[in-house]
Amino acid sequence: MRYIIIFATAITAVSMLYKWRYRLMNAVLAISFLRRIAISLSMNMPAIRAKILPSLFNGESSHTSS
């Protein structure tokens, strides 16, 4: 009986976290220290870095050397 209650509580917590995932993420990322940690951790992942960095540096800059 105890395992059923623990399992039901865990399922409820996971479903609530999933339901409010964007609200929670916005609340966490509103704190600058946590936002810096999240960005540094995501930039250490090669798949994310490979997708983000080329799009940042593809545009032409306004400082041309011609």
PDB file of N, CA and C in Angstrom:
ATOM      1  N   MET A   1       0.819  -1.186   0.000  1.00  0.00           N
ATOM      2  CA  MET A   1       0.000   0.000   0.000  1.00  0.00           C
ATOM      3  C   MET A   1       0.872   1.264   0.000  1.00  0.00           C
ATOM      4  N   ARG A   2       1.978   1.212   0.751  1.00  0.00           N
ATOM      5  CA  ARG A   2       2.870   2.362   0.821  1.00  0.00           C
ATOM      6  C   ARG A   2       3.489   2.651  -0.549  1.00  0.00           C
ATOM      7  N   TYR A   3       3.848   1.601  -1.292  1.00  0.00           N
ATOM      8  CA  TYR A   3       4.441   1.778  -2.618  1.00  0.00           C
ATOM      9  C   TYR A   3       3.462   2.403  -3.599  1.00  0.00           C
ATOM     10  N   ILE A   4       2.203   2.080  -3.469  1.00  0.00           N
ATOM     11  CA  ILE A   4       1.183   2.655  -4.349  1.00  0.00           C
ATOM     12  C   ILE A   4       1.059   4.155  -4.092  1.00  0.00           C
ATOM     13  N   ILE A   5       1.086   4.556  -2.842  1.00  0.00           N
ATOM     14  CA  ILE A   5       0.982   5.981  -2.505  1.00  0.00           C
ATOM     15  C   ILE A   5       2.208   6.731  -2.997  1.00  0.00           C
ATOM     16  N   ILE A   6       3.385   6.166  -2.814  1.00  0.00           N
ATOM     17  CA  ILE A   6       4.618   6.807  -3.297  1.00  0.00           C
ATOM     18  C   ILE A   6       4.607   6.904  -4.815  1.00  0.00           C
ATOM     19  N   PHE A   7       4.183   5.843  -5.483  1.00  0.00           N
ATOM     20  CA  PHE A   7       4.117   5.837  -6.947  1.00  0.00           C
ATOM     21  C   PHE A   7       3.111   6.873  -7.449  1.00  0.00           C
ATOM     22  N   ALA A   8       1.955   6.951  -6.825  1.00  0.00           N
ATOM     23  CA  ALA A   8       0.932   7.914  -7.235  1.00  0.00           C
ATOM     24  C   ALA A   8       1.412   9.346  -7.006  1.00  0.00           C
ATOM     25  N   THR A   9       2.104   9.578  -5.908  1.00  0.00           N
ATOM     26  CA  THR A   9       2.642  10.908  -5.628  1.00  0.00           C
ATOM     27  C   THR A   9       3.702  11.291  -6.659  1.00  0.00           C
ATOM     28  N   ALA A  10       4.561  10.346  -7.016  1.00  0.00           N
ATOM     29  CA  ALA A  10       5.600  10.622  -8.013  1.00  0.00           C
ATOM     30  C   ALA A  10       4.979  10.914  -9.378  1.00  0.00           C
ATOM     31  N   ILE A  11       3.985  10.138  -9.777  1.00  0.00           N
ATOM     32  CA  ILE A  11       3.311  10.372 -11.061  1.00  0.00           C
ATOM     33  C   ILE A  11       2.631  11.736 -11.072  1.00  0.00           C
ATOM     34  N   THR A  12       2.010  12.105  -9.970  1.00  0.00           N
ATOM     35  CA  THR A  12       1.349  13.412  -9.878  1.00  0.00           C
ATOM     36  C   THR A  12       2.371  14.545  -9.977  1.00  0.00           C
ATOM     37  N   ALA A  13       3.495  14.404  -9.295  1.00  0.00           N
ATOM     38  CA  ALA A  13       4.532  15.446  -9.339  1.00  0.00           C
ATOM     39  C   ALA A  13       5.103  15.589 -10.744  1.00  0.00           C
ATOM     40  N   VAL A  14       5.366  14.476 -11.413  1.00  0.00           N
ATOM     41  CA  VAL A  14       5.907  14.528 -12.773  1.00  0.00           C
ATOM     42  C   VAL A  14       4.902  15.153 -13.731  1.00  0.00           C
ATOM     43  N   SER A  15       3.631  14.813 -13.592  1.00  0.00           N
ATOM     44  CA  SER A  15       2.627  15.385 -14.495  1.00  0.00           C
ATOM     45  C   SER A  15       2.464  16.890 -14.262  1.00  0.00           C
ATOM     46  N   MET A  16       2.568  17.338 -13.010  1.00  0.00           N
ATOM     47  CA  MET A  16       2.465  18.772 -12.747  1.00  0.00           C
ATOM     48  C   MET A  16       3.688  19.520 -13.272  1.00  0.00           C
ATOM     49  N   LEU A  17       4.871  18.918 -13.116  1.00  0.00           N
ATOM     50  CA  LEU A  17       6.076  19.534 -13.681  1.00  0.00           C
ATOM     51  C   LEU A  17       5.972  19.624 -15.194  1.00  0.00           C
ATOM     52  N   TYR A  18       5.426  18.601 -15.833  1.00  0.00           N
ATOM     53  CA  TYR A  18       5.274  18.625 -17.295  1.00  0.00           C
ATOM     54  C   TYR A  18       4.262  19.684 -17.707  1.00  0.00           C
ATOM     55  N   LYS A  19       3.189  19.801 -16.952  1.00  0.00           N
ATOM     56  CA  LYS A  19       2.136  20.770 -17.284  1.00  0.00           C
ATOM     57  C   LYS A  19       2.658  22.203 -17.187  1.00  0.00           C
ATOM     58  N   TRP A  20       3.452  22.484 -16.175  1.00  0.00           N
ATOM     59  CA  TRP A  20       3.956  23.838 -15.948  1.00  0.00           C
ATOM     60  C   TRP A  20       5.418  23.983 -16.311  1.00  0.00           C
ATOM     61  N   ARG A  21       5.916  23.205 -17.247  1.00  0.00           N
ATOM     62  CA  ARG A  21       7.353  23.198 -17.555  1.00  0.00           C
ATOM     63  C   ARG A  21       7.853  24.544 -18.059  1.00  0.00           C
ATOM     64  N   TYR A  22       7.106  25.231 -18.910  1.00  0.00           N
ATOM     65  CA  TYR A  22       7.574  26.515 -19.441  1.00  0.00           C
ATOM     66  C   TYR A  22       7.510  27.605 -18.379  1.00  0.00           C
ATOM     67  N   ARG A  23       6.501  27.571 -17.537  1.00  0.00           N
ATOM     68  CA  ARG A  23       6.402  28.546 -16.453  1.00  0.00           C
ATOM     69  C   ARG A  23       7.554  28.365 -15.472  1.00  0.00           C
ATOM     70  N   LEU A  24       7.876  27.124 -15.157  1.00  0.00           N
ATOM     71  CA  LEU A  24       8.999  26.841 -14.255  1.00  0.00           C
ATOM     72  C   LEU A  24      10.328  27.240 -14.882  1.00  0.00           C
ATOM     73  N   MET A  25      10.472  26.945 -16.184  1.00  0.00           N
ATOM     74  CA  MET A  25      11.715  27.297 -16.860  1.00  0.00           C
ATOM     75  C   MET A  25      11.898  28.812 -16.911  1.00  0.00           C
ATOM     76  N   ASN A  26      10.839  29.560 -17.164  1.00  0.00           N
ATOM     77  CA  ASN A  26      10.935  31.014 -17.177  1.00  0.00           C
ATOM     78  C   ASN A  26      11.270  31.559 -15.795  1.00  0.00           C
ATOM     79  N   ALA A  27      10.712  30.961 -14.757  1.00  0.00           N
ATOM     80  CA  ALA A  27      11.010  31.414 -13.399  1.00  0.00           C
ATOM     81  C   ALA A  27      12.461  31.145 -13.036  1.00  0.00           C
ATOM     82  N   VAL A  28      12.986  30.003 -13.428  1.00  0.00           N
ATOM     83  CA  VAL A  28      14.381  29.671 -13.124  1.00  0.00           C
ATOM     84  C   VAL A  28      15.327  30.544 -13.939  1.00  0.00           C
ATOM     85  N   LEU A  29      15.024  30.733 -15.219  1.00  0.00           N
ATOM     86  CA  LEU A  29      15.919  31.515 -16.077  1.00  0.00           C
ATOM     87  C   LEU A  29      15.827  33.017 -15.835  1.00  0.00           C
ATOM     88  N   ALA A  30      14.863  33.450 -15.048  1.00  0.00           N
ATOM     89  CA  ALA A  30      14.782  34.866 -14.692  1.00  0.00           C
ATOM     90  C   ALA A  30      15.887  35.256 -13.712  1.00  0.00           C
ATOM     91  N   ILE A  31      16.469  34.278 -13.047  1.00  0.00           N
ATOM     92  CA  ILE A  31      17.567  34.521 -12.116  1.00  0.00           C
ATOM     93  C   ILE A  31      18.869  34.476 -12.912  1.00  0.00           C
ATOM     94  N   SER A  32      19.593  35.569 -12.946  1.00  0.00           N
ATOM     95  CA  SER A  32      20.742  35.700 -13.847  1.00  0.00           C
ATOM     96  C   SER A  32      21.821  34.659 -13.571  1.00  0.00           C
ATOM     97  N   PHE A  33      22.066  34.344 -12.315  1.00  0.00           N
ATOM     98  CA  PHE A  33      23.089  33.348 -11.984  1.00  0.00           C
ATOM     99  C   PHE A  33      22.722  31.976 -12.552  1.00  0.00           C
ATOM    100  N   LEU A  34      21.460  31.588 -12.388  1.00  0.00           N
ATOM    101  CA  LEU A  34      21.014  30.293 -12.914  1.00  0.00           C
ATOM    102  C   LEU A  34      20.977  30.294 -14.443  1.00  0.00           C
ATOM    103  N   ARG A  35      20.660  31.450 -15.033  1.00  0.00           N
ATOM    104  CA  ARG A  35      20.649  31.556 -16.493  1.00  0.00           C
ATOM    105  C   ARG A  35      22.060  31.384 -17.047  1.00  0.00           C
ATOM    106  N   ARG A  36      23.060  31.959 -16.392  1.00  0.00           N
ATOM    107  CA  ARG A  36      24.445  31.797 -16.842  1.00  0.00           C
ATOM    108  C   ARG A  36      24.899  30.347 -16.751  1.00  0.00           C
ATOM    109  N   ILE A  37      24.508  29.668 -15.675  1.00  0.00           N
ATOM    110  CA  ILE A  37      24.858  28.256 -15.534  1.00  0.00           C
ATOM    111  C   ILE A  37      24.192  27.423 -16.620  1.00  0.00           C
ATOM    112  N   ALA A  38      22.915  27.702 -16.903  1.00  0.00           N
ATOM    113  CA  ALA A  38      22.195  26.952 -17.930  1.00  0.00           C
ATOM    114  C   ALA A  38      22.817  27.155 -19.308  1.00  0.00           C
ATOM    115  N   ILE A  39      23.210  28.374 -19.610  1.00  0.00           N
ATOM    116  CA  ILE A  39      23.823  28.653 -20.913  1.00  0.00           C
ATOM    117  C   ILE A  39      25.182  27.988 -21.015  1.00  0.00           C
ATOM    118  N   SER A  40      25.975  28.052 -19.957  1.00  0.00           N
ATOM    119  CA  SER A  40      27.296  27.423 -20.029  1.00  0.00           C
ATOM    120  C   SER A  40      27.184  25.907 -20.140  1.00  0.00           C
ATOM    121  N   LEU A  41      26.228  25.308 -19.454  1.00  0.00           N
ATOM    122  CA  LEU A  41      26.030  23.867 -19.571  1.00  0.00           C
ATOM    123  C   LEU A  41      25.548  23.475 -20.969  1.00  0.00           C
ATOM    124  N   SER A  42      24.642  24.271 -21.541  1.00  0.00           N
ATOM    125  CA  SER A  42      24.145  23.935 -22.874  1.00  0.00           C
ATOM    126  C   SER A  42      25.207  24.151 -23.951  1.00  0.00           C
ATOM    127  N   MET A  43      26.095  25.120 -23.752  1.00  0.00           N
ATOM    128  CA  MET A  43      27.154  25.338 -24.746  1.00  0.00           C
ATOM    129  C   MET A  43      28.239  24.261 -24.663  1.00  0.00           C
ATOM    130  N   ASN A  44      28.278  23.488 -23.596  1.00  0.00           N
ATOM    131  CA  ASN A  44      29.210  22.377 -23.502  1.00  0.00           C
ATOM    132  C   ASN A  44      28.698  21.126 -24.208  1.00  0.00           C
ATOM    133  N   MET A  45      27.456  21.150 -24.658  1.00  0.00           N
ATOM    134  CA  MET A  45      26.886  20.016 -25.384  1.00  0.00           C
ATOM    135  C   MET A  45      27.118  20.240 -26.878  1.00  0.00           C
ATOM    136  N   PRO A  46      27.858  19.343 -27.538  1.00  0.00           N
ATOM    137  CA  PRO A  46      28.217  19.558 -28.945  1.00  0.00           C
ATOM    138  C   PRO A  46      27.024  19.685 -29.885  1.00  0.00           C
ATOM    139  N   ALA A  47      25.965  18.946 -29.673  1.00  0.00           N
ATOM    140  CA  ALA A  47      24.817  19.003 -30.574  1.00  0.00           C
ATOM    141  C   ALA A  47      24.138  20.368 -30.526  1.00  0.00           C
ATOM    142  N   ILE A  48      23.975  20.910 -29.337  1.00  0.00           N
ATOM    143  CA  ILE A  48      23.345  22.230 -29.194  1.00  0.00           C
ATOM    144  C   ILE A  48      24.256  23.313 -29.743  1.00  0.00           C
ATOM    145  N   ARG A  49      25.541  23.228 -29.425  1.00  0.00           N
ATOM    146  CA  ARG A  49      26.492  24.230 -29.908  1.00  0.00           C
ATOM    147  C   ARG A  49      26.567  24.224 -31.431  1.00  0.00           C
ATOM    148  N   ALA A  50      26.513  23.059 -32.052  1.00  0.00           N
ATOM    149  CA  ALA A  50      26.582  22.956 -33.514  1.00  0.00           C
ATOM    150  C   ALA A  50      25.367  23.591 -34.182  1.00  0.00           C
ATOM    151  N   LYS A  51      24.224  23.570 -33.514  1.00  0.00           N
ATOM    152  CA  LYS A  51      23.019  24.176 -34.093  1.00  0.00           C
ATOM    153  C   LYS A  51      22.956  25.677 -33.865  1.00  0.00           C
ATOM    154  N   ILE A  52      23.431  26.146 -32.731  1.00  0.00           N
ATOM    155  CA  ILE A  52      23.254  27.559 -32.370  1.00  0.00           C
ATOM    156  C   ILE A  52      24.345  28.452 -32.954  1.00  0.00           C
ATOM    157  N   LEU A  53      25.593  28.066 -32.839  1.00  0.00           N
ATOM    158  CA  LEU A  53      26.687  28.957 -33.236  1.00  0.00           C
ATOM    159  C   LEU A  53      26.682  29.338 -34.716  1.00  0.00           C
ATOM    160  N   PRO A  54      26.441  28.428 -35.661  1.00  0.00           N
ATOM    161  CA  PRO A  54      26.420  28.881 -37.058  1.00  0.00           C
ATOM    162  C   PRO A  54      25.343  29.920 -37.347  1.00  0.00           C
ATOM    163  N   SER A  55      24.201  29.823 -36.698  1.00  0.00           N
ATOM    164  CA  SER A  55      23.148  30.803 -36.950  1.00  0.00           C
ATOM    165  C   SER A  55      23.492  32.166 -36.352  1.00  0.00           C
ATOM    166  N   LEU A  56      24.345  32.204 -35.343  1.00  0.00           N
ATOM    167  CA  LEU A  56      24.735  33.480 -34.752  1.00  0.00           C
ATOM    168  C   LEU A  56      25.703  34.258 -35.632  1.00  0.00           C
ATOM    169  N   PHE A  57      26.544  33.548 -36.374  1.00  0.00           N
ATOM    170  CA  PHE A  57      27.606  34.211 -37.119  1.00  0.00           C
ATOM    171  C   PHE A  57      27.419  34.173 -38.629  1.00  0.00           C
ATOM    172  N   ASN A  58      26.253  33.787 -39.122  1.00  0.00           N
ATOM    173  CA  ASN A  58      26.003  33.772 -40.567  1.00  0.00           C
ATOM    174  C   ASN A  58      25.660  35.143 -41.131  1.00  0.00           C
ATOM    175  N   GLY A  59      25.031  35.978 -40.347  1.00  0.00           N
ATOM    176  CA  GLY A  59      24.603  37.292 -40.845  1.00  0.00           C
ATOM    177  C   GLY A  59      25.777  38.197 -41.143  1.00  0.00           C
ATOM    178  N   GLU A  60      25.559  39.109 -42.092  1.00  0.00           N
ATOM    179  CA  GLU A  60      26.612  40.056 -42.428  1.00  0.00           C
ATOM    180  C   GLU A  60      26.683  41.140 -41.360  1.00  0.00           C
ATOM    181  N   SER A  61      27.848  41.523 -40.998  1.00  0.00           N
ATOM    182  CA  SER A  61      28.015  42.550 -39.987  1.00  0.00           C
ATOM    183  C   SER A  61      27.997  43.937 -40.636  1.00  0.00           C
ATOM    184  N   SER A  62      27.723  44.926 -39.842  1.00  0.00           N
ATOM    185  CA  SER A  62      27.712  46.299 -40.356  1.00  0.00           C
ATOM    186  C   SER A  62      29.107  46.889 -40.425  1.00  0.00           C
ATOM    187  N   HIS A  63      30.096  46.198 -39.843  1.00  0.00           N
ATOM    188  CA  HIS A  63      31.482  46.641 -39.868  1.00  0.00           C
ATOM    189  C   HIS A  63      32.237  45.888 -40.952  1.00  0.00           C
ATOM    190  N   THR A  64      32.247  46.442 -42.133  1.00  0.00           N
ATOM    191  CA  THR A  64      32.968  45.810 -43.218  1.00  0.00           C
ATOM    192  C   THR A  64      34.324  46.484 -43.377  1.00  0.00           C
ATOM    193  N   SER A  65      35.279  45.730 -43.839  1.00  0.00           N
ATOM    194  CA  SER A  65      36.630  46.286 -43.977  1.00  0.00           C
ATOM    195  C   SER A  65      36.984  46.547 -45.437  1.00  0.00           C
ATOM    196  N   SER A  66      36.052  47.097 -46.188  1.00  0.00           N
ATOM    197  CA  SER A  66      36.350  47.379 -47.606  1.00  0.00           C
ATOM    198  C   SER A  66      36.640  48.806 -47.876  1.00  0.00           C
TER     199      SER A  66
END
